[in-house]
Protein backbone atom coordinates (compact mmCIF):
# COMPACT_ATOMS: atom_id res chain seq x y z
CA UNK A 1 -28.38 24.60 -44.38
CA UNK A 2 -31.04 22.74 -45.44
CA UNK A 3 -34.51 24.40 -46.63
CA UNK A 4 -37.39 24.77 -45.92
CA UNK A 5 -39.37 22.19 -48.63
CA UNK A 6 -35.90 19.76 -48.00
CA UNK A 7 -37.02 19.49 -44.38
CA UNK A 8 -40.54 19.45 -44.81
CA UNK A 9 -40.23 16.22 -47.81
CA UNK A 10 -38.28 14.71 -45.52
CA UNK A 11 -41.15 14.82 -43.16
CA UNK A 12 -43.84 14.06 -45.76
CA UNK A 13 -41.73 10.76 -46.92
CA UNK A 14 -41.90 9.52 -42.79
CA UNK A 15 -45.43 10.40 -43.22
CA UNK A 16 -46.08 6.55 -44.92
CA UNK A 17 -44.15 4.57 -42.41
CA UNK A 18 -45.79 6.10 -39.56
CA UNK A 19 -49.15 5.20 -41.45
CA UNK A 20 -47.95 1.39 -41.10
CA UNK A 21 -46.42 1.27 -38.43
CA UNK A 22 -48.12 -1.14 -35.40
CA UNK A 23 -49.80 -0.59 -32.30
CA UNK A 24 -47.21 -2.08 -30.67
CA UNK A 25 -44.41 -0.04 -32.16
CA UNK A 26 -46.86 3.05 -32.00
CA UNK A 27 -46.83 1.84 -28.00
CA UNK A 28 -43.53 1.35 -27.84
CA UNK A 29 -42.17 4.79 -29.43
CA UNK A 30 -44.20 7.00 -27.15
CA UNK A 31 -43.18 4.91 -24.02
CA UNK A 32 -39.21 5.54 -25.36
CA UNK A 33 -40.36 9.43 -26.07
CA UNK A 34 -42.24 9.56 -22.68
CA UNK A 35 -38.94 7.98 -21.39
CA UNK A 36 -36.61 10.96 -22.90
CA UNK A 37 -38.62 14.33 -21.31
CA UNK A 38 -39.00 12.42 -17.74
CA UNK A 39 -34.78 11.92 -17.87
CA UNK A 40 -34.58 15.63 -19.38
CA UNK A 41 -36.63 17.12 -16.83
CA UNK A 42 -34.59 19.08 -15.62
CA UNK A 43 -32.50 20.95 -18.81
CA UNK A 44 -36.02 21.73 -19.44
CA UNK A 45 -37.23 23.00 -16.58
CA UNK A 46 -34.06 25.18 -16.28
CA UNK A 47 -34.83 26.18 -20.29
CA UNK A 48 -38.53 26.97 -19.51
CA UNK A 49 -37.25 29.25 -16.38
CA UNK A 50 -35.08 31.18 -18.79
CA UNK A 51 -37.85 31.00 -21.63
CA UNK A 52 -40.24 33.12 -18.66
CA UNK A 53 -37.61 35.80 -16.90
CA UNK A 54 -37.55 36.60 -20.75
CA UNK A 55 -41.46 36.67 -20.71
CA UNK A 56 -41.73 38.34 -17.34
CA UNK A 57 -39.22 41.36 -18.47
CA UNK A 58 -41.47 42.03 -21.84
CA UNK A 59 -44.09 42.32 -19.33
CA UNK A 60 -46.11 40.10 -20.68
CA UNK A 61 -49.39 39.14 -18.32
CA UNK A 62 -49.86 37.02 -15.50
CA UNK A 63 -52.38 35.18 -18.50
CA UNK A 64 -49.72 34.59 -20.23
CA UNK A 65 -47.14 33.96 -17.55
CA UNK A 66 -48.67 31.22 -16.22
CA UNK A 67 -49.57 29.15 -19.02
CA UNK A 68 -45.64 29.73 -20.31
CA UNK A 69 -43.93 27.77 -17.02
CA UNK A 70 -43.58 24.29 -17.00
CA UNK A 71 -43.82 23.57 -13.28
CA UNK A 72 -43.76 20.09 -11.88
CA UNK A 73 -47.27 19.72 -11.98
CA UNK A 74 -47.32 20.38 -15.22
CA UNK A 75 -44.27 19.10 -17.05
CA UNK A 76 -44.87 15.00 -14.67
CA UNK A 77 -48.73 15.89 -16.28
CA UNK A 78 -47.12 16.36 -19.55
CA UNK A 79 -45.34 12.77 -18.71
CA UNK A 80 -48.23 10.94 -17.77
CA UNK A 81 -50.35 12.38 -20.71
CA UNK A 82 -47.58 10.39 -23.83
CA UNK A 83 -47.59 7.01 -21.12
CA UNK A 84 -51.73 7.40 -21.24
CA UNK A 85 -52.17 8.12 -25.28
CA UNK A 86 -49.89 5.44 -25.39
CA UNK A 87 -52.36 3.09 -24.59
CA UNK A 88 -55.36 4.43 -25.86
CA UNK A 89 -57.17 2.06 -28.57
CA UNK A 90 -55.27 2.83 -31.92
CA UNK A 91 -57.62 4.68 -34.77
CA UNK A 92 -56.40 3.22 -37.63
CA UNK A 93 -57.23 0.21 -39.29
CA UNK A 94 -60.56 0.65 -37.54
CA UNK A 95 -63.49 -0.64 -39.97
CA UNK A 96 -66.54 1.91 -40.04
CA UNK A 97 -68.15 0.60 -42.55
CA UNK A 98 -68.27 -2.64 -45.48
CA UNK A 99 -70.58 -4.06 -47.14
CA UNK A 100 -71.08 -6.31 -50.88
CA UNK A 101 -72.51 -4.54 -53.62
CA UNK A 102 -75.01 -6.41 -56.34
CA UNK A 103 -71.60 -6.83 -58.82
CA UNK A 104 -69.86 -8.49 -55.84
CA UNK A 105 -67.41 -5.60 -55.47
CA UNK A 106 -66.32 -6.06 -51.48
CA UNK A 107 -66.58 -2.58 -49.83
CA UNK A 108 -64.66 -1.54 -47.59
CA UNK A 109 -64.61 2.86 -45.63
CA UNK A 110 -61.45 1.88 -43.13
CA UNK A 111 -59.72 5.03 -41.19
CA UNK A 112 -56.23 6.38 -42.20
CA UNK A 113 -53.74 9.08 -40.80
CA UNK A 114 -54.43 12.80 -42.01
CA UNK A 115 -50.72 12.24 -43.47
CA UNK A 116 -48.52 15.45 -42.12
CA UNK A 117 -49.95 17.86 -39.50
CA UNK A 118 -48.61 21.45 -39.00
CA UNK A 119 -49.66 23.11 -35.88
CA UNK A 120 -48.54 26.42 -35.52
CA UNK A 121 -48.68 27.33 -31.22
CA UNK A 122 -47.95 29.92 -28.82
CA UNK A 123 -46.63 30.02 -25.42
CA UNK A 124 -47.83 26.41 -23.86
CA UNK A 125 -44.64 23.75 -24.30
CA UNK A 126 -46.89 21.16 -22.78
CA UNK A 127 -48.02 21.39 -25.94
CA UNK A 128 -45.36 20.23 -28.26
CA UNK A 129 -45.50 17.43 -26.17
CA UNK A 130 -48.99 17.24 -26.65
CA UNK A 131 -49.26 17.52 -30.65
CA UNK A 132 -46.31 14.73 -30.91
CA UNK A 133 -47.93 11.56 -28.74
CA UNK A 134 -51.32 11.91 -30.34
CA UNK A 135 -49.71 12.53 -33.94
CA UNK A 136 -47.89 9.40 -33.52
CA UNK A 137 -50.26 7.57 -32.11
CA UNK A 138 -52.76 7.98 -35.03
CA UNK A 139 -50.26 7.47 -37.68
CA UNK A 140 -49.43 11.23 -38.61
CA UNK A 141 -46.54 12.99 -38.63
CA UNK A 142 -45.75 16.57 -37.74
CA UNK A 143 -44.76 19.49 -37.98
CA UNK A 144 -43.87 21.89 -35.01
CA UNK A 145 -43.57 25.52 -34.97
CA UNK A 146 -44.05 27.28 -31.69
CA UNK A 147 -43.56 30.59 -29.49
CA UNK A 148 -40.19 32.05 -29.53
CA UNK A 149 -41.11 32.86 -26.29
CA UNK A 150 -40.78 29.16 -25.70
CA UNK A 151 -38.30 28.13 -28.18
CA UNK A 152 -35.98 27.72 -25.73
CA UNK A 153 -38.23 24.79 -23.41
CA UNK A 154 -39.69 23.85 -26.44
CA UNK A 155 -36.07 23.07 -28.55
CA UNK A 156 -34.99 20.68 -25.42
CA UNK A 157 -38.65 19.36 -25.41
CA UNK A 158 -37.98 18.26 -29.49
CA UNK A 159 -34.36 16.62 -28.79
CA UNK A 160 -35.19 14.41 -26.11
CA UNK A 161 -38.47 13.58 -28.31
CA UNK A 162 -36.45 12.45 -30.96
CA UNK A 163 -33.81 10.72 -28.71
CA UNK A 164 -37.61 8.93 -28.12
CA UNK A 165 -38.02 7.97 -31.77
CA UNK A 166 -34.12 6.86 -32.31
CA UNK A 167 -33.88 4.70 -29.54
CA UNK A 168 -37.86 3.50 -30.96
CA UNK A 169 -36.48 3.28 -34.33
CA UNK A 170 -38.33 5.52 -35.56
CA UNK A 171 -36.92 8.76 -38.14
CA UNK A 172 -37.23 11.33 -35.95
CA UNK A 173 -37.95 13.60 -39.50
CA UNK A 174 -41.24 12.37 -38.15
CA UNK A 175 -41.40 15.51 -35.82
CA UNK A 176 -40.50 18.61 -37.43
CA UNK A 177 -39.67 21.39 -35.64
CA UNK A 178 -39.18 24.66 -36.80
CA UNK A 179 -35.98 26.29 -34.51
CA UNK A 180 -36.83 29.38 -35.48
CA UNK A 181 -37.62 33.08 -33.64
CA UNK A 182 -38.66 34.98 -37.37
CA UNK A 183 -42.70 34.94 -37.76
CA UNK A 184 -42.16 34.57 -42.13
CA UNK A 185 -41.55 31.49 -40.63
CA UNK A 186 -45.12 30.89 -40.48
CA UNK A 187 -45.98 33.00 -43.66
CA UNK A 188 -43.86 30.20 -45.59
CA UNK A 189 -44.70 26.91 -43.89
CA UNK A 190 -48.36 27.55 -44.53
CA UNK A 191 -48.27 28.01 -48.25
CA UNK A 192 -46.74 24.33 -48.74
CA UNK A 193 -49.99 22.68 -49.71
CA UNK A 194 -47.02 19.72 -51.03
CA UNK A 195 -46.33 19.23 -48.19
CA UNK A 196 -48.26 19.50 -45.25
CA UNK A 197 -51.97 17.74 -45.21
CA UNK A 198 -53.36 19.73 -42.49
CA UNK A 199 -52.54 22.84 -40.50
CA UNK A 200 -54.15 23.52 -36.17
CA UNK A 201 -53.86 26.64 -35.43
CA UNK A 202 -53.72 26.88 -31.38
CA UNK A 203 -53.28 31.34 -29.78
CA UNK A 204 -55.11 33.53 -29.81
CA UNK A 205 -57.57 34.54 -31.85
CA UNK A 206 -55.35 36.99 -33.88
CA UNK A 207 -53.39 33.93 -35.06
CA UNK A 208 -55.62 31.79 -35.85
CA UNK A 209 -57.41 34.80 -38.60
CA UNK A 210 -53.55 35.21 -39.55
CA UNK A 211 -53.18 31.41 -40.16
CA UNK A 212 -56.77 31.44 -41.82
CA UNK A 213 -55.77 34.23 -44.29
CA UNK A 214 -53.02 33.03 -46.00
CA UNK A 215 -53.33 29.21 -45.36
CA UNK A 216 -53.13 27.77 -48.82
CA UNK A 217 -53.69 24.60 -46.70
CA UNK A 218 -57.31 23.62 -44.96
CA UNK A 219 -57.43 24.83 -41.75
CA UNK A 220 -58.58 23.32 -38.17
CA UNK A 221 -59.01 26.17 -36.28
CA UNK A 222 -60.62 26.95 -33.35
CA UNK A 223 -62.16 31.40 -32.79
CA UNK A 224 -61.58 32.72 -29.31
CA UNK A 225 -62.03 30.91 -26.41
CA UNK A 226 -64.58 31.45 -23.26
CA UNK A 227 -67.86 30.85 -22.17
CA UNK A 228 -71.09 31.61 -21.25
CA UNK A 229 -73.24 30.29 -17.67
CA UNK A 230 -76.86 30.95 -17.60
CA UNK A 231 -78.10 30.72 -14.20
CA UNK A 232 -82.25 29.92 -14.24
CA UNK A 233 -84.80 30.83 -11.74
CA UNK A 234 -84.68 26.53 -11.46
CA UNK A 235 -81.33 26.21 -10.48
CA UNK A 236 -79.76 24.67 -7.44
CA UNK A 237 -78.51 28.41 -6.22
CA UNK A 238 -75.10 26.79 -4.12
CA UNK A 239 -74.82 24.87 -7.44
CA UNK A 240 -74.79 27.49 -9.73
CA UNK A 241 -72.27 29.56 -6.96
CA UNK A 242 -70.20 27.09 -7.47
CA UNK A 243 -70.14 25.71 -10.42
CA UNK A 244 -69.49 29.74 -11.82
CA UNK A 245 -66.26 30.13 -9.21
CA UNK A 246 -65.33 26.67 -10.39
CA UNK A 247 -65.45 28.48 -14.32
CA UNK A 248 -63.61 31.56 -13.03
CA UNK A 249 -61.03 30.89 -11.09
CA UNK A 250 -59.19 27.39 -10.94
CA UNK A 251 -57.71 28.90 -14.80
CA UNK A 252 -58.93 31.72 -15.97
CA UNK A 253 -55.88 32.32 -18.26
CA UNK A 254 -57.95 29.30 -20.67
CA UNK A 255 -60.51 29.72 -22.96
CA UNK A 256 -62.58 27.22 -21.56
CA UNK A 257 -62.90 29.47 -18.53
CA UNK A 258 -65.90 31.57 -17.61
CA UNK A 259 -66.81 34.55 -18.64
CA UNK A 260 -70.20 35.82 -17.91
CA UNK A 261 -73.00 34.75 -16.10
CA UNK A 262 -76.45 34.96 -17.18
CA UNK A 263 -78.67 34.58 -14.65
CA UNK A 264 -83.26 35.23 -14.53
CA UNK A 265 -84.16 38.35 -13.00
CA UNK A 266 -86.64 35.86 -10.56
CA UNK A 267 -82.61 34.75 -8.94
CA UNK A 268 -81.06 37.63 -9.66
CA UNK A 269 -81.61 39.06 -5.84
CA UNK A 270 -80.88 36.46 -4.45
CA UNK A 271 -78.03 34.61 -6.63
CA UNK A 272 -75.92 37.17 -7.68
CA UNK A 273 -74.31 38.41 -3.58
CA UNK A 274 -73.97 35.02 -2.90
CA UNK A 275 -71.63 34.88 -6.48
CA UNK A 276 -70.12 37.53 -5.69
CA UNK A 277 -68.89 36.41 -2.11
CA UNK A 278 -67.81 33.68 -3.26
CA UNK A 279 -65.35 35.10 -6.03
CA UNK A 280 -64.00 37.92 -3.52
CA UNK A 281 -61.03 35.90 -2.03
CA UNK A 282 -59.74 34.87 -5.89
CA UNK A 283 -60.51 39.38 -6.42
CA UNK A 284 -62.43 38.39 -9.24
CA UNK A 285 -63.34 42.00 -11.37
CA UNK A 286 -66.95 42.06 -11.39
CA UNK A 287 -68.70 44.64 -14.16
CA UNK A 288 -72.80 44.03 -14.58
CA UNK A 289 -75.14 45.55 -17.03
CA UNK A 290 -77.98 47.87 -15.16
CA UNK A 291 -79.91 45.14 -13.51
CA UNK A 292 -76.97 43.76 -12.48
CA UNK A 293 -75.59 47.38 -10.69
CA UNK A 294 -78.81 48.16 -8.76
CA UNK A 295 -77.96 44.83 -6.77
CA UNK A 296 -74.62 44.39 -6.21
CA UNK A 297 -70.78 46.82 -6.85
CA UNK A 298 -70.03 46.52 -10.09
CA UNK A 299 -68.02 47.51 -12.50
CA UNK A 300 -70.23 49.07 -15.45
CA UNK A 301 -70.92 45.88 -18.15
CA UNK A 302 -70.45 46.77 -22.13
CA UNK A 303 -71.27 44.68 -25.53
CA UNK A 304 -67.13 45.29 -25.73
CA UNK A 305 -66.63 43.02 -22.93
CA UNK A 306 -69.33 40.82 -23.23
CA UNK A 307 -67.63 39.71 -26.53
CA UNK A 308 -63.94 39.84 -24.74
CA UNK A 309 -62.65 36.90 -23.92
CA UNK A 310 -61.00 38.27 -20.22
CA UNK A 311 -58.60 35.48 -20.07
CA UNK A 312 -58.23 36.85 -16.41
CA UNK A 313 -59.86 37.81 -13.18
CA UNK A 314 -63.46 39.74 -14.42
CA UNK A 315 -66.35 38.50 -15.39
CA UNK A 316 -69.59 40.63 -16.74
CA UNK A 317 -73.30 40.04 -15.71
CA UNK A 318 -75.55 39.76 -17.46
CA UNK A 319 -79.77 39.61 -16.34
CA UNK A 320 -82.31 37.91 -18.13
CA UNK A 321 -86.08 37.67 -18.20
CA UNK A 322 -85.91 34.02 -18.55
CA UNK A 323 -84.33 30.91 -21.04
CA UNK A 324 -85.34 33.16 -24.61
CA UNK A 325 -83.17 36.39 -23.17
CA UNK A 326 -80.75 34.33 -22.73
CA UNK A 327 -80.37 32.03 -25.48
CA UNK A 328 -80.46 35.14 -27.80
CA UNK A 329 -78.10 37.41 -25.21
CA UNK A 330 -75.26 34.06 -25.68
CA UNK A 331 -75.89 34.25 -29.83
CA UNK A 332 -75.55 37.52 -30.13
CA UNK A 333 -71.67 37.25 -27.86
CA UNK A 334 -70.55 33.40 -28.50
CA UNK A 335 -67.39 32.38 -30.27
CA UNK A 336 -69.14 29.13 -30.80
CA UNK A 337 -66.46 26.86 -27.71
CA UNK A 338 -68.52 26.53 -24.02
CA UNK A 339 -71.72 27.59 -23.71
CA UNK A 340 -73.15 26.32 -19.57
CA UNK A 341 -76.09 26.03 -18.06
CA UNK A 342 -77.60 25.82 -14.88
CA UNK A 343 -80.75 24.43 -14.34
CA UNK A 344 -83.18 21.85 -12.85
CA UNK A 345 -86.58 21.82 -15.55
CA UNK A 346 -86.19 20.08 -18.68
CA UNK A 347 -87.82 21.97 -20.94
CA UNK A 348 -85.50 25.25 -19.71
CA UNK A 349 -82.67 22.58 -20.10
CA UNK A 350 -84.13 21.11 -23.99
CA UNK A 351 -84.18 24.52 -25.06
CA UNK A 352 -81.18 25.42 -23.77
CA UNK A 353 -79.46 23.04 -25.29
CA UNK A 354 -81.69 23.03 -28.62
CA UNK A 355 -80.34 26.55 -29.82
CA UNK A 356 -76.98 26.95 -28.87
CA UNK A 357 -74.93 27.19 -31.49
CA UNK A 358 -71.06 25.47 -29.10
CA UNK A 359 -68.81 23.37 -29.43
CA UNK A 360 -69.90 21.37 -26.33
CA UNK A 361 -72.78 22.90 -24.27
CA UNK A 362 -72.39 22.19 -20.36
CA UNK A 363 -75.38 21.21 -18.17
CA UNK A 364 -74.82 21.37 -14.19
CA UNK A 365 -71.48 21.42 -14.53
CA UNK A 366 -68.12 23.59 -15.32
CA UNK A 367 -66.98 24.53 -18.75
CA UNK A 368 -64.41 23.93 -17.89
CA UNK A 369 -64.37 20.02 -18.45
CA UNK A 370 -64.27 20.54 -21.80
CA UNK A 371 -60.38 19.56 -21.74
CA UNK A 372 -59.88 16.04 -24.15
CA UNK A 373 -57.76 14.57 -21.29
CA UNK A 374 -61.88 15.00 -19.44
CA UNK A 375 -63.51 13.46 -22.13
CA UNK A 376 -61.15 10.73 -22.05
CA UNK A 377 -59.32 11.39 -25.01
CA UNK A 378 -56.33 11.02 -23.20
CA UNK A 379 -55.27 14.86 -24.41
CA UNK A 380 -56.04 17.36 -27.61
CA UNK A 381 -54.40 19.33 -30.31
CA UNK A 382 -56.47 21.95 -29.51
CA UNK A 383 -61.21 22.95 -29.22
CA UNK A 384 -62.22 23.46 -32.69
CA UNK A 385 -64.84 25.60 -33.33
CA UNK A 386 -66.09 24.51 -36.69
CA UNK A 387 -68.25 22.78 -37.95
CA UNK A 388 -66.62 20.49 -40.71
CA UNK A 389 -64.34 17.03 -40.26
CA UNK A 390 -64.03 17.39 -35.91
CA UNK A 391 -65.67 19.95 -33.20
CA UNK A 392 -64.27 20.20 -29.89
CA UNK A 393 -61.57 18.32 -28.56
CA UNK A 394 -59.62 17.05 -31.32
CA UNK A 395 -58.38 14.31 -29.97
CA UNK A 396 -56.91 10.71 -31.80
CA UNK A 397 -60.00 10.17 -33.64
CA UNK A 398 -60.10 14.08 -34.63
CA UNK A 399 -56.52 12.73 -36.03
CA UNK A 400 -57.42 10.53 -39.12
CA UNK A 401 -59.66 10.96 -41.67
CA UNK A 402 -61.02 7.83 -43.25
CA UNK A 403 -60.01 5.59 -46.92
CA UNK A 404 -61.91 3.73 -49.32
CA UNK A 405 -61.19 -0.19 -50.19
CA UNK A 406 -63.23 -2.19 -53.22
CA UNK A 407 -61.96 -5.84 -53.66
CA UNK A 408 -62.87 -7.89 -56.72
CA UNK A 409 -62.90 -9.92 -58.83
CA UNK A 410 -61.75 -8.80 -62.51
CA UNK A 411 -65.44 -6.66 -62.75
CA UNK A 412 -65.49 -3.83 -64.75
CA UNK A 413 -67.78 -0.95 -65.21
CA UNK A 414 -69.49 -1.11 -67.99
């Protein structure tokens, strides 16, 4: 039986091949994968039902089950995403800079693949196809380590992906799936810096912290998610209600959903009852500070709750004196992922945007737009909240680095 290192060596060897595939070859490979995945829909969903049944028997949360389930809509979108990524411009070989040096050397800076990307992710089997599509389109080999809860689903999806690669004439070793429920494989993979160039943990904050703590490989990560939206006294309150309800209820289990509404004291008495009434059909549990609870019926909010990524139908409320207090409050509890403001006053908006430290800031629109697909990136590997190399949705361009090439004619340095 091959060791992990043996498997990684073969995947590493394919990275150069992938980096030299033409635009057309990569497009054809993704189309072949999309066809294969679509053909195996019934098998994938049957496997997924086994995973969901096991998760339900283990008393997993509704949010967890939501992320795990491959509905018809989710599955069809997976296939559509693969095909869409195939149509995106090739991010490899783009000339970022070109200039002639005084000594006659022509210097060129161009994009190249990162090499081998390792991704460690939880529950969502649709991540498998998104990651493969983005990695191959950007010329990267990929190592997949999904959670044990999605093992049956991922086995079928990876078998389809391998069949598509073989049909396109691309080595199937370009996609290495670590088919193991043992969590120790995570500790093993993050030590293999000779064969993996970057690790992307995609899941809960505990997973991210664990990977950061033990990895010898550079980590492109996001911390906990969740969003806050500040509703200013200048806001259109009808618009603010619609935005907050959308940000909270459309998919409460995802990382760009709303956790806290911060509202200006001048409009709190008008806005909060309208917001609570609009949320009531969704059975959202509302927590509030003392000032909010004088206006609406709500459970008592605490600092612990304000710091919580709910991943479900819960929402906290904070009443503030103005944008300065709102920014200070958000700065205290932000995860630097997604933050928003609803306001008409341009000076207020500019102050908010200029003083909020987050990967993305949303002005008069829902934080639910913080997504690679919505940003026109095709799909995403995740949302990075760090500040080096990539920030926000990690799409094709973020999966490349660059290389300097110097074209000379015998020049030597003296």
